Amino acid sequence: MAETQVICTLDEIGDPGSRGFSLRRGDQVTQAFVVQRDGEVYAYHNRCPHTGAPLDWVEHRFLDLEQAYIQCATHDARFEIDSGVCITGPCPGASLQPIAIEVVGGQVRIAR
């Protein structure tokens, strides 16, 4: 059985906060990120649905200044943290691609 990929600990994210990571599936490596808000943790692929560009403007920073929404650094689109749905910008109604995760013993892991 394959070992579960640990992304980070809850302490490394902050609340609210975000953290980027590399997602490994077989030989494929893609960029992704986790966001924590109000004790809940969500993970998404690091690709804007508008252009496919990475969302972060600085390493591990995926939230707007108020830390209320995920923000695309390229086109200023804003996405709801809990659903990944774009609410403003060039792609309203489009969604970030979620990644199934689990929190076990304070560690954020890719769900099996």
PDB file of N, CA and C in Angstrom:
ATOM      1  N   MET A   1       0.837  -1.182   0.000  1.00  0.00           N
ATOM      2  CA  MET A   1       0.000   0.000   0.000  1.00  0.00           C
ATOM      3  C   MET A   1       0.883   1.247   0.000  1.00  0.00           C
ATOM      4  N   ALA A   2       0.495   2.245  -0.771  1.00  0.00           N
ATOM      5  CA  ALA A   2       1.271   3.481  -0.874  1.00  0.00           C
ATOM      6  C   ALA A   2       1.170   4.280   0.418  1.00  0.00           C
ATOM      7  N   GLU A   3       2.244   4.954   0.759  1.00  0.00           N
ATOM      8  CA  GLU A   3       2.271   5.795   1.944  1.00  0.00           C
ATOM      9  C   GLU A   3       1.449   7.054   1.687  1.00  0.00           C
ATOM     10  N   THR A   4       0.713   7.496   2.699  1.00  0.00           N
ATOM     11  CA  THR A   4      -0.088   8.707   2.587  1.00  0.00           C
ATOM     12  C   THR A   4       0.820   9.924   2.550  1.00  0.00           C
ATOM     13  N   GLN A   5       0.555  10.839   1.628  1.00  0.00           N
ATOM     14  CA  GLN A   5       1.353  12.050   1.530  1.00  0.00           C
ATOM     15  C   GLN A   5       0.899  13.058   2.569  1.00  0.00           C
ATOM     16  N   VAL A   6       1.810  13.440   3.466  1.00  0.00           N
ATOM     17  CA  VAL A   6       1.544  14.484   4.447  1.00  0.00           C
ATOM     18  C   VAL A   6       1.879  15.820   3.791  1.00  0.00           C
ATOM     19  N   ILE A   7       0.932  16.735   3.836  1.00  0.00           N
ATOM     20  CA  ILE A   7       1.118  18.052   3.228  1.00  0.00           C
ATOM     21  C   ILE A   7       1.823  18.995   4.204  1.00  0.00           C
ATOM     22  N   CYS A   8       1.292  19.084   5.412  1.00  0.00           N
ATOM     23  CA  CYS A   8       1.824  19.984   6.438  1.00  0.00           C
ATOM     24  C   CYS A   8       1.092  19.706   7.733  1.00  0.00           C
ATOM     25  N   THR A   9       1.421  20.454   8.760  1.00  0.00           N
ATOM     26  CA  THR A   9       0.660  20.404  10.007  1.00  0.00           C
ATOM     27  C   THR A   9      -0.279  21.602  10.052  1.00  0.00           C
ATOM     28  N   LEU A  10      -1.298  21.507  10.877  1.00  0.00           N
ATOM     29  CA  LEU A  10      -2.236  22.624  11.013  1.00  0.00           C
ATOM     30  C   LEU A  10      -1.526  23.886  11.483  1.00  0.00           C
ATOM     31  N   ASP A  11      -0.518  23.730  12.342  1.00  0.00           N
ATOM     32  CA  ASP A  11       0.235  24.881  12.857  1.00  0.00           C
ATOM     33  C   ASP A  11       0.975  25.630  11.755  1.00  0.00           C
ATOM     34  N   GLU A  12       1.312  24.949  10.666  1.00  0.00           N
ATOM     35  CA  GLU A  12       2.042  25.585   9.564  1.00  0.00           C
ATOM     36  C   GLU A  12       1.139  26.418   8.656  1.00  0.00           C
ATOM     37  N   ILE A  13      -0.157  26.268   8.800  1.00  0.00           N
ATOM     38  CA  ILE A  13      -1.082  26.977   7.913  1.00  0.00           C
ATOM     39  C   ILE A  13      -1.540  28.304   8.503  1.00  0.00           C
ATOM     40  N   GLY A  14      -1.872  28.325   9.786  1.00  0.00           N
ATOM     41  CA  GLY A  14      -2.492  29.506  10.368  1.00  0.00           C
ATOM     42  C   GLY A  14      -3.997  29.423  10.158  1.00  0.00           C
ATOM     43  N   ASP A  15      -4.744  30.243  10.874  1.00  0.00           N
ATOM     44  CA  ASP A  15      -6.202  30.227  10.755  1.00  0.00           C
ATOM     45  C   ASP A  15      -6.732  31.644  10.933  1.00  0.00           C
ATOM     46  N   PRO A  16      -7.043  32.343   9.867  1.00  0.00           N
ATOM     47  CA  PRO A  16      -6.997  31.874   8.480  1.00  0.00           C
ATOM     48  C   PRO A  16      -5.569  31.891   7.942  1.00  0.00           C
ATOM     49  N   GLY A  17      -5.345  31.042   6.979  1.00  0.00           N
ATOM     50  CA  GLY A  17      -4.030  30.987   6.360  1.00  0.00           C
ATOM     51  C   GLY A  17      -4.009  30.004   5.205  1.00  0.00           C
ATOM     52  N   SER A  18      -2.876  29.968   4.520  1.00  0.00           N
ATOM     53  CA  SER A  18      -2.740  29.088   3.358  1.00  0.00           C
ATOM     54  C   SER A  18      -1.302  28.620   3.237  1.00  0.00           C
ATOM     55  N   ARG A  19      -1.131  27.559   2.473  1.00  0.00           N
ATOM     56  CA  ARG A  19       0.208  26.998   2.270  1.00  0.00           C
ATOM     57  C   ARG A  19       0.204  26.203   0.962  1.00  0.00           C
ATOM     58  N   GLY A  20       1.197  26.456   0.121  1.00  0.00           N
ATOM     59  CA  GLY A  20       1.348  25.713  -1.116  1.00  0.00           C
ATOM     60  C   GLY A  20       2.101  24.412  -0.886  1.00  0.00           C
ATOM     61  N   PHE A  21       1.907  23.461  -1.782  1.00  0.00           N
ATOM     62  CA  PHE A  21       2.626  22.195  -1.713  1.00  0.00           C
ATOM     63  C   PHE A  21       2.660  21.553  -3.090  1.00  0.00           C
ATOM     64  N   SER A  22       3.531  20.583  -3.247  1.00  0.00           N
ATOM     65  CA  SER A  22       3.600  19.796  -4.480  1.00  0.00           C
ATOM     66  C   SER A  22       2.837  18.506  -4.264  1.00  0.00           C
ATOM     67  N   LEU A  23       1.950  18.194  -5.176  1.00  0.00           N
ATOM     68  CA  LEU A  23       1.145  16.980  -5.109  1.00  0.00           C
ATOM     69  C   LEU A  23       1.768  15.933  -6.015  1.00  0.00           C
ATOM     70  N   ARG A  24       2.147  14.805  -5.427  1.00  0.00           N
ATOM     71  CA  ARG A  24       2.773  13.726  -6.197  1.00  0.00           C
ATOM     72  C   ARG A  24       1.789  12.582  -6.381  1.00  0.00           C
ATOM     73  N   ARG A  25       1.538  12.242  -7.619  1.00  0.00           N
ATOM     74  CA  ARG A  25       0.703  11.081  -7.948  1.00  0.00           C
ATOM     75  C   ARG A  25       1.439  10.296  -9.022  1.00  0.00           C
ATOM     76  N   GLY A  26       2.058   9.191  -8.583  1.00  0.00           N
ATOM     77  CA  GLY A  26       2.895   8.432  -9.501  1.00  0.00           C
ATOM     78  C   GLY A  26       4.080   9.274  -9.909  1.00  0.00           C
ATOM     79  N   ASP A  27       4.306   9.396 -11.214  1.00  0.00           N
ATOM     80  CA  ASP A  27       5.407  10.209 -11.726  1.00  0.00           C
ATOM     81  C   ASP A  27       5.008  11.669 -11.940  1.00  0.00           C
ATOM     82  N   GLN A  28       3.745  11.992 -11.726  1.00  0.00           N
ATOM     83  CA  GLN A  28       3.245  13.343 -11.962  1.00  0.00           C
ATOM     84  C   GLN A  28       3.376  14.206 -10.697  1.00  0.00           C
ATOM     85  N   VAL A  29       3.833  15.435 -10.872  1.00  0.00           N
ATOM     86  CA  VAL A  29       3.905  16.403  -9.784  1.00  0.00           C
ATOM     87  C   VAL A  29       3.175  17.664 -10.231  1.00  0.00           C
ATOM     88  N   THR A  30       2.192  18.071  -9.457  1.00  0.00           N
ATOM     89  CA  THR A  30       1.466  19.304  -9.742  1.00  0.00           C
ATOM     90  C   THR A  30       1.496  20.184  -8.501  1.00  0.00           C
ATOM     91  N   GLN A  31       1.228  21.458  -8.696  1.00  0.00           N
ATOM     92  CA  GLN A  31       1.222  22.408  -7.588  1.00  0.00           C
ATOM     93  C   GLN A  31      -0.197  22.541  -7.040  1.00  0.00           C
ATOM     94  N   ALA A  32      -0.293  22.658  -5.727  1.00  0.00           N
ATOM     95  CA  ALA A  32      -1.581  22.743  -5.056  1.00  0.00           C
ATOM     96  C   ALA A  32      -1.421  23.608  -3.807  1.00  0.00           C
ATOM     97  N   PHE A  33      -2.512  23.797  -3.067  1.00  0.00           N
ATOM     98  CA  PHE A  33      -2.442  24.571  -1.834  1.00  0.00           C
ATOM     99  C   PHE A  33      -3.568  24.169  -0.896  1.00  0.00           C
ATOM    100  N   VAL A  34      -3.347  24.435   0.378  1.00  0.00           N
ATOM    101  CA  VAL A  34      -4.372  24.232   1.400  1.00  0.00           C
ATOM    102  C   VAL A  34      -4.693  25.579   2.023  1.00  0.00           C
ATOM    103  N   VAL A  35      -5.939  25.708   2.479  1.00  0.00           N
ATOM    104  CA  VAL A  35      -6.403  26.908   3.165  1.00  0.00           C
ATOM    105  C   VAL A  35      -7.124  26.457   4.425  1.00  0.00           C
ATOM    106  N   GLN A  36      -6.850  27.147   5.522  1.00  0.00           N
ATOM    107  CA  GLN A  36      -7.574  26.875   6.764  1.00  0.00           C
ATOM    108  C   GLN A  36      -8.332  28.132   7.164  1.00  0.00           C
ATOM    109  N   ARG A  37      -9.594  27.919   7.530  1.00  0.00           N
ATOM    110  CA  ARG A  37     -10.400  29.021   8.060  1.00  0.00           C
ATOM    111  C   ARG A  37     -11.413  28.439   9.031  1.00  0.00           C
ATOM    112  N   ASP A  38     -11.481  29.029  10.204  1.00  0.00           N
ATOM    113  CA  ASP A  38     -12.411  28.598  11.255  1.00  0.00           C
ATOM    114  C   ASP A  38     -12.279  27.107  11.562  1.00  0.00           C
ATOM    115  N   GLY A  39     -11.042  26.615  11.562  1.00  0.00           N
ATOM    116  CA  GLY A  39     -10.786  25.222  11.901  1.00  0.00           C
ATOM    117  C   GLY A  39     -11.045  24.220  10.794  1.00  0.00           C
ATOM    118  N   GLU A  40     -11.547  24.667   9.669  1.00  0.00           N
ATOM    119  CA  GLU A  40     -11.794  23.788   8.523  1.00  0.00           C
ATOM    120  C   GLU A  40     -10.657  23.948   7.516  1.00  0.00           C
ATOM    121  N   VAL A  41     -10.283  22.853   6.859  1.00  0.00           N
ATOM    122  CA  VAL A  41      -9.166  22.871   5.916  1.00  0.00           C
ATOM    123  C   VAL A  41      -9.663  22.411   4.549  1.00  0.00           C
ATOM    124  N   TYR A  42      -9.231  23.126   3.512  1.00  0.00           N
ATOM    125  CA  TYR A  42      -9.630  22.840   2.136  1.00  0.00           C
ATOM    126  C   TYR A  42      -8.375  22.797   1.274  1.00  0.00           C
ATOM    127  N   ALA A  43      -8.398  22.002   0.219  1.00  0.00           N
ATOM    128  CA  ALA A  43      -7.244  21.924  -0.684  1.00  0.00           C
ATOM    129  C   ALA A  43      -7.711  22.021  -2.128  1.00  0.00           C
ATOM    130  N   TYR A  44      -6.900  22.696  -2.952  1.00  0.00           N
ATOM    131  CA  TYR A  44      -7.219  22.900  -4.361  1.00  0.00           C
ATOM    132  C   TYR A  44      -5.945  22.832  -5.197  1.00  0.00           C
ATOM    133  N   HIS A  45      -6.112  22.518  -6.472  1.00  0.00           N
ATOM    134  CA  HIS A  45      -5.003  22.615  -7.415  1.00  0.00           C
ATOM    135  C   HIS A  45      -4.690  24.097  -7.607  1.00  0.00           C
ATOM    136  N   ASN A  46      -3.419  24.421  -7.755  1.00  0.00           N
ATOM    137  CA  ASN A  46      -2.981  25.811  -7.897  1.00  0.00           C
ATOM    138  C   ASN A  46      -3.075  26.241  -9.359  1.00  0.00           C
ATOM    139  N   ARG A  47      -4.309  26.339  -9.840  1.00  0.00           N
ATOM    140  CA  ARG A  47      -4.569  26.742 -11.228  1.00  0.00           C
ATOM    141  C   ARG A  47      -5.860  27.550 -11.281  1.00  0.00           C
ATOM    142  N   CYS A  48      -5.760  28.744 -11.814  1.00  0.00           N
ATOM    143  CA  CYS A  48      -6.956  29.557 -12.007  1.00  0.00           C
ATOM    144  C   CYS A  48      -7.782  28.947 -13.136  1.00  0.00           C
ATOM    145  N   PRO A  49      -9.103  28.785 -12.955  1.00  0.00           N
ATOM    146  CA  PRO A  49      -9.916  28.211 -14.027  1.00  0.00           C
ATOM    147  C   PRO A  49     -10.024  29.112 -15.256  1.00  0.00           C
ATOM    148  N   HIS A  50      -9.647  30.377 -15.127  1.00  0.00           N
ATOM    149  CA  HIS A  50      -9.716  31.315 -16.252  1.00  0.00           C
ATOM    150  C   HIS A  50      -8.589  31.076 -17.252  1.00  0.00           C
ATOM    151  N   THR A  51      -7.340  30.986 -16.773  1.00  0.00           N
ATOM    152  CA  THR A  51      -6.199  30.846 -17.688  1.00  0.00           C
ATOM    153  C   THR A  51      -5.295  29.658 -17.367  1.00  0.00           C
ATOM    154  N   GLY A  52      -5.495  29.036 -16.213  1.00  0.00           N
ATOM    155  CA  GLY A  52      -4.607  27.965 -15.790  1.00  0.00           C
ATOM    156  C   GLY A  52      -3.366  28.462 -15.081  1.00  0.00           C
ATOM    157  N   ALA A  53      -3.266  29.775 -14.886  1.00  0.00           N
ATOM    158  CA  ALA A  53      -2.102  30.372 -14.213  1.00  0.00           C
ATOM    159  C   ALA A  53      -2.120  30.035 -12.727  1.00  0.00           C
ATOM    160  N   PRO A  54      -0.945  30.002 -12.093  1.00  0.00           N
ATOM    161  CA  PRO A  54      -0.908  29.811 -10.637  1.00  0.00           C
ATOM    162  C   PRO A  54      -1.612  30.965  -9.938  1.00  0.00           C
ATOM    163  N   LEU A  55      -2.216  30.687  -8.791  1.00  0.00           N
ATOM    164  CA  LEU A  55      -2.975  31.693  -8.058  1.00  0.00           C
ATOM    165  C   LEU A  55      -2.125  32.561  -7.140  1.00  0.00           C
ATOM    166  N   ASP A  56      -1.039  32.011  -6.614  1.00  0.00           N
ATOM    167  CA  ASP A  56      -0.273  32.731  -5.594  1.00  0.00           C
ATOM    168  C   ASP A  56       0.612  33.811  -6.185  1.00  0.00           C
ATOM    169  N   TRP A  57       0.721  34.895  -5.430  1.00  0.00           N
ATOM    170  CA  TRP A  57       1.573  36.014  -5.845  1.00  0.00           C
ATOM    171  C   TRP A  57       2.870  36.012  -5.066  1.00  0.00           C
ATOM    172  N   VAL A  58       2.862  35.410  -3.910  1.00  0.00           N
ATOM    173  CA  VAL A  58       4.033  35.195  -3.080  1.00  0.00           C
ATOM    174  C   VAL A  58       3.900  33.771  -2.545  1.00  0.00           C
ATOM    175  N   GLU A  59       5.016  33.092  -2.352  1.00  0.00           N
ATOM    176  CA  GLU A  59       4.969  31.710  -1.883  1.00  0.00           C
ATOM    177  C   GLU A  59       4.067  31.568  -0.657  1.00  0.00           C
ATOM    178  N   HIS A  60       3.155  30.624  -0.721  1.00  0.00           N
ATOM    179  CA  HIS A  60       2.213  30.266   0.353  1.00  0.00           C
ATOM    180  C   HIS A  60       1.122  31.308   0.587  1.00  0.00           C
ATOM    181  N   ARG A  61       1.030  32.333  -0.230  1.00  0.00           N
ATOM    182  CA  ARG A  61      -0.016  33.347  -0.047  1.00  0.00           C
ATOM    183  C   ARG A  61      -1.069  33.215  -1.133  1.00  0.00           C
ATOM    184  N   PHE A  62      -2.224  32.713  -0.727  1.00  0.00           N
ATOM    185  CA  PHE A  62      -3.322  32.488  -1.659  1.00  0.00           C
ATOM    186  C   PHE A  62      -4.561  33.288  -1.295  1.00  0.00           C
ATOM    187  N   LEU A  63      -4.537  33.977  -0.156  1.00  0.00           N
ATOM    188  CA  LEU A  63      -5.709  34.713   0.300  1.00  0.00           C
ATOM    189  C   LEU A  63      -5.573  36.202   0.023  1.00  0.00           C
ATOM    190  N   ASP A  64      -6.731  36.860  -0.110  1.00  0.00           N
ATOM    191  CA  ASP A  64      -6.717  38.313  -0.288  1.00  0.00           C
ATOM    192  C   ASP A  64      -6.262  38.974   1.011  1.00  0.00           C
ATOM    193  N   LEU A  65      -6.100  40.283   0.998  1.00  0.00           N
ATOM    194  CA  LEU A  65      -5.577  40.998   2.161  1.00  0.00           C
ATOM    195  C   LEU A  65      -6.443  40.832   3.401  1.00  0.00           C
ATOM    196  N   GLU A  66      -7.742  40.703   3.217  1.00  0.00           N
ATOM    197  CA  GLU A  66      -8.654  40.529   4.340  1.00  0.00           C
ATOM    198  C   GLU A  66      -8.721  39.070   4.786  1.00  0.00           C
ATOM    199  N   GLN A  67      -8.083  38.173   4.044  1.00  0.00           N
ATOM    200  CA  GLN A  67      -8.067  36.737   4.286  1.00  0.00           C
ATOM    201  C   GLN A  67      -9.475  36.146   4.287  1.00  0.00           C
ATOM    202  N   ALA A  68     -10.335  36.706   3.443  1.00  0.00           N
ATOM    203  CA  ALA A  68     -11.716  36.254   3.335  1.00  0.00           C
ATOM    204  C   ALA A  68     -11.943  35.372   2.112  1.00  0.00           C
ATOM    205  N   TYR A  69     -11.099  35.543   1.078  1.00  0.00           N
ATOM    206  CA  TYR A  69     -11.256  34.803  -0.177  1.00  0.00           C
ATOM    207  C   TYR A  69      -9.902  34.359  -0.714  1.00  0.00           C
ATOM    208  N   ILE A  70      -9.922  33.304  -1.510  1.00  0.00           N
ATOM    209  CA  ILE A  70      -8.751  32.921  -2.285  1.00  0.00           C
ATOM    210  C   ILE A  70      -8.685  33.910  -3.441  1.00  0.00           C
ATOM    211  N   GLN A  71      -7.491  34.407  -3.753  1.00  0.00           N
ATOM    212  CA  GLN A  71      -7.343  35.436  -4.773  1.00  0.00           C
ATOM    213  C   GLN A  71      -6.369  34.993  -5.843  1.00  0.00           C
ATOM    214  N   CYS A  72      -6.726  35.207  -7.110  1.00  0.00           N
ATOM    215  CA  CYS A  72      -5.819  34.955  -8.226  1.00  0.00           C
ATOM    216  C   CYS A  72      -4.931  36.181  -8.411  1.00  0.00           C
ATOM    217  N   ALA A  73      -3.634  35.979  -8.353  1.00  0.00           N
ATOM    218  CA  ALA A  73      -2.692  37.090  -8.482  1.00  0.00           C
ATOM    219  C   ALA A  73      -2.679  37.676  -9.889  1.00  0.00           C
ATOM    220  N   THR A  74      -3.059  36.896 -10.882  1.00  0.00           N
ATOM    221  CA  THR A  74      -2.997  37.354 -12.267  1.00  0.00           C
ATOM    222  C   THR A  74      -4.161  38.269 -12.644  1.00  0.00           C
ATOM    223  N   HIS A  75      -5.388  37.873 -12.320  1.00  0.00           N
ATOM    224  CA  HIS A  75      -6.561  38.632 -12.759  1.00  0.00           C
ATOM    225  C   HIS A  75      -7.450  39.111 -11.619  1.00  0.00           C
ATOM    226  N   ASP A  76      -7.009  38.947 -10.368  1.00  0.00           N
ATOM    227  CA  ASP A  76      -7.738  39.417  -9.189  1.00  0.00           C
ATOM    228  C   ASP A  76      -9.089  38.725  -9.001  1.00  0.00           C
ATOM    229  N   ALA A  77      -9.281  37.548  -9.593  1.00  0.00           N
ATOM    230  CA  ALA A  77     -10.505  36.785  -9.333  1.00  0.00           C
ATOM    231  C   ALA A  77     -10.517  36.391  -7.867  1.00  0.00           C
ATOM    232  N   ARG A  78     -11.713  36.298  -7.290  1.00  0.00           N
ATOM    233  CA  ARG A  78     -11.865  35.893  -5.887  1.00  0.00           C
ATOM    234  C   ARG A  78     -12.717  34.627  -5.848  1.00  0.00           C
ATOM    235  N   PHE A  79     -12.298  33.693  -5.004  1.00  0.00           N
ATOM    236  CA  PHE A  79     -12.950  32.395  -4.883  1.00  0.00           C
ATOM    237  C   PHE A  79     -13.344  32.156  -3.441  1.00  0.00           C
ATOM    238  N   GLU A  80     -14.516  31.585  -3.215  1.00  0.00           N
ATOM    239  CA  GLU A  80     -14.932  31.220  -1.873  1.00  0.00           C
ATOM    240  C   GLU A  80     -13.997  30.144  -1.339  1.00  0.00           C
ATOM    241  N   ILE A  81     -13.592  30.270  -0.092  1.00  0.00           N
ATOM    242  CA  ILE A  81     -12.650  29.329   0.495  1.00  0.00           C
ATOM    243  C   ILE A  81     -13.255  27.935   0.607  1.00  0.00           C
ATOM    244  N   ASP A  82     -14.495  27.839   1.040  1.00  0.00           N
ATOM    245  CA  ASP A  82     -15.082  26.525   1.302  1.00  0.00           C
ATOM    246  C   ASP A  82     -15.567  25.778   0.070  1.00  0.00           C
ATOM    247  N   SER A  83     -15.821  26.478  -1.022  1.00  0.00           N
ATOM    248  CA  SER A  83     -16.338  25.810  -2.222  1.00  0.00           C
ATOM    249  C   SER A  83     -15.416  25.932  -3.432  1.00  0.00           C
ATOM    250  N   GLY A  84     -14.531  26.931  -3.442  1.00  0.00           N
ATOM    251  CA  GLY A  84     -13.667  27.169  -4.593  1.00  0.00           C
ATOM    252  C   GLY A  84     -14.367  27.856  -5.753  1.00  0.00           C
ATOM    253  N   VAL A  85     -15.599  28.304  -5.557  1.00  0.00           N
ATOM    254  CA  VAL A  85     -16.379  28.950  -6.619  1.00  0.00           C
ATOM    255  C   VAL A  85     -15.942  30.404  -6.764  1.00  0.00           C
ATOM    256  N   CYS A  86     -15.735  30.825  -8.018  1.00  0.00           N
ATOM    257  CA  CYS A  86     -15.369  32.209  -8.314  1.00  0.00           C
ATOM    258  C   CYS A  86     -16.591  33.102  -8.140  1.00  0.00           C
ATOM    259  N   ILE A  87     -16.421  34.164  -7.348  1.00  0.00           N
ATOM    260  CA  ILE A  87     -17.538  35.082  -7.117  1.00  0.00           C
ATOM    261  C   ILE A  87     -17.336  36.435  -7.782  1.00  0.00           C
ATOM    262  N   THR A  88     -16.092  36.729  -8.189  1.00  0.00           N
ATOM    263  CA  THR A  88     -15.823  37.995  -8.869  1.00  0.00           C
ATOM    264  C   THR A  88     -14.548  37.852  -9.700  1.00  0.00           C
ATOM    265  N   GLY A  89     -14.482  38.608 -10.785  1.00  0.00           N
ATOM    266  CA  GLY A  89     -13.335  38.532 -11.685  1.00  0.00           C
ATOM    267  C   GLY A  89     -13.768  37.995 -13.036  1.00  0.00           C
ATOM    268  N   PRO A  90     -12.836  37.516 -13.849  1.00  0.00           N
ATOM    269  CA  PRO A  90     -13.145  37.119 -15.217  1.00  0.00           C
ATOM    270  C   PRO A  90     -13.795  35.742 -15.364  1.00  0.00           C
ATOM    271  N   CYS A  91     -14.004  35.011 -14.260  1.00  0.00           N
ATOM    272  CA  CYS A  91     -14.548  33.650 -14.401  1.00  0.00           C
ATOM    273  C   CYS A  91     -15.640  33.355 -13.381  1.00  0.00           C
ATOM    274  N   PRO A  92     -16.638  34.250 -13.187  1.00  0.00           N
ATOM    275  CA  PRO A  92     -17.670  34.000 -12.180  1.00  0.00           C
ATOM    276  C   PRO A  92     -18.400  32.683 -12.442  1.00  0.00           C
ATOM    277  N   GLY A  93     -18.600  31.932 -11.351  1.00  0.00           N
ATOM    278  CA  GLY A  93     -19.279  30.645 -11.450  1.00  0.00           C
ATOM    279  C   GLY A  93     -18.346  29.479 -11.697  1.00  0.00           C
ATOM    280  N   ALA A  94     -17.150  29.730 -12.216  1.00  0.00           N
ATOM    281  CA  ALA A  94     -16.170  28.660 -12.417  1.00  0.00           C
ATOM    282  C   ALA A  94     -15.606  28.273 -11.049  1.00  0.00           C
ATOM    283  N   SER A  95     -15.035  27.071 -10.962  1.00  0.00           N
ATOM    284  CA  SER A  95     -14.537  26.596  -9.669  1.00  0.00           C
ATOM    285  C   SER A  95     -13.100  26.120  -9.746  1.00  0.00           C
ATOM    286  N   LEU A  96     -12.420  26.280  -8.630  1.00  0.00           N
ATOM    287  CA  LEU A  96     -11.104  25.665  -8.473  1.00  0.00           C
ATOM    288  C   LEU A  96     -11.304  24.155  -8.373  1.00  0.00           C
ATOM    289  N   GLN A  97     -10.285  23.397  -8.755  1.00  0.00           N
ATOM    290  CA  GLN A  97     -10.381  21.941  -8.697  1.00  0.00           C
ATOM    291  C   GLN A  97      -9.975  21.471  -7.298  1.00  0.00           C
ATOM    292  N   PRO A  98     -10.923  20.874  -6.546  1.00  0.00           N
ATOM    293  CA  PRO A  98     -10.610  20.463  -5.174  1.00  0.00           C
ATOM    294  C   PRO A  98      -9.750  19.203  -5.117  1.00  0.00           C
ATOM    295  N   ILE A  99      -9.092  19.031  -3.977  1.00  0.00           N
ATOM    296  CA  ILE A  99      -8.298  17.842  -3.687  1.00  0.00           C
ATOM    297  C   ILE A  99      -8.809  17.286  -2.366  1.00  0.00           C
ATOM    298  N   ALA A 100      -9.090  16.002  -2.324  1.00  0.00           N
ATOM    299  CA  ALA A 100      -9.578  15.365  -1.094  1.00  0.00           C
ATOM    300  C   ALA A 100      -8.434  15.250  -0.096  1.00  0.00           C
ATOM    301  N   ILE A 101      -8.674  15.786   1.099  1.00  0.00           N
ATOM    302  CA  ILE A 101      -7.673  15.733   2.164  1.00  0.00           C
ATOM    303  C   ILE A 101      -8.341  15.234   3.441  1.00  0.00           C
ATOM    304  N   GLU A 102      -7.501  14.910   4.419  1.00  0.00           N
ATOM    305  CA  GLU A 102      -7.979  14.542   5.739  1.00  0.00           C
ATOM    306  C   GLU A 102      -7.008  15.106   6.763  1.00  0.00           C
ATOM    307  N   VAL A 103      -7.504  15.379   7.957  1.00  0.00           N
ATOM    308  CA  VAL A 103      -6.656  15.858   9.042  1.00  0.00           C
ATOM    309  C   VAL A 103      -6.607  14.754  10.088  1.00  0.00           C
ATOM    310  N   VAL A 104      -5.391  14.266  10.355  1.00  0.00           N
ATOM    311  CA  VAL A 104      -5.187  13.180  11.314  1.00  0.00           C
ATOM    312  C   VAL A 104      -4.070  13.593  12.265  1.00  0.00           C
ATOM    313  N   GLY A 105      -4.387  13.678  13.537  1.00  0.00           N
ATOM    314  CA  GLY A 105      -3.378  14.022  14.534  1.00  0.00           C
ATOM    315  C   GLY A 105      -2.677  15.331  14.259  1.00  0.00           C
ATOM    316  N   GLY A 106      -3.413  16.332  13.743  1.00  0.00           N
ATOM    317  CA  GLY A 106      -2.842  17.628  13.454  1.00  0.00           C
ATOM    318  C   GLY A 106      -2.085  17.711  12.143  1.00  0.00           C
ATOM    319  N   GLN A 107      -2.025  16.590  11.402  1.00  0.00           N
ATOM    320  CA  GLN A 107      -1.373  16.587  10.086  1.00  0.00           C
ATOM    321  C   GLN A 107      -2.431  16.632   8.981  1.00  0.00           C
ATOM    322  N   VAL A 108      -2.175  17.461   7.973  1.00  0.00           N
ATOM    323  CA  VAL A 108      -3.029  17.510   6.793  1.00  0.00           C
ATOM    324  C   VAL A 108      -2.452  16.541   5.781  1.00  0.00           C
ATOM    325  N   ARG A 109      -3.275  15.606   5.327  1.00  0.00           N
ATOM    326  CA  ARG A 109      -2.813  14.549   4.414  1.00  0.00           C
ATOM    327  C   ARG A 109      -3.736  14.438   3.215  1.00  0.00           C
ATOM    328  N   ILE A 110      -3.196  13.915   2.136  1.00  0.00           N
ATOM    329  CA  ILE A 110      -4.014  13.568   0.982  1.00  0.00           C
ATOM    330  C   ILE A 110      -4.895  12.394   1.412  1.00  0.00           C
ATOM    331  N   ALA A 111      -6.201  12.493   1.165  1.00  0.00           N
ATOM    332  CA  ALA A 111      -7.121  11.423   1.555  1.00  0.00           C
ATOM    333  C   ALA A 111      -6.903  10.200   0.680  1.00  0.00           C
ATOM    334  N   ARG A 112      -7.041   9.059   1.285  1.00  0.00           N
ATOM    335  CA  ARG A 112      -6.891   7.799   0.530  1.00  0.00           C
ATOM    336  C   ARG A 112      -8.141   7.473  -0.222  1.00  0.00           C
TER     337      ARG A 112
END
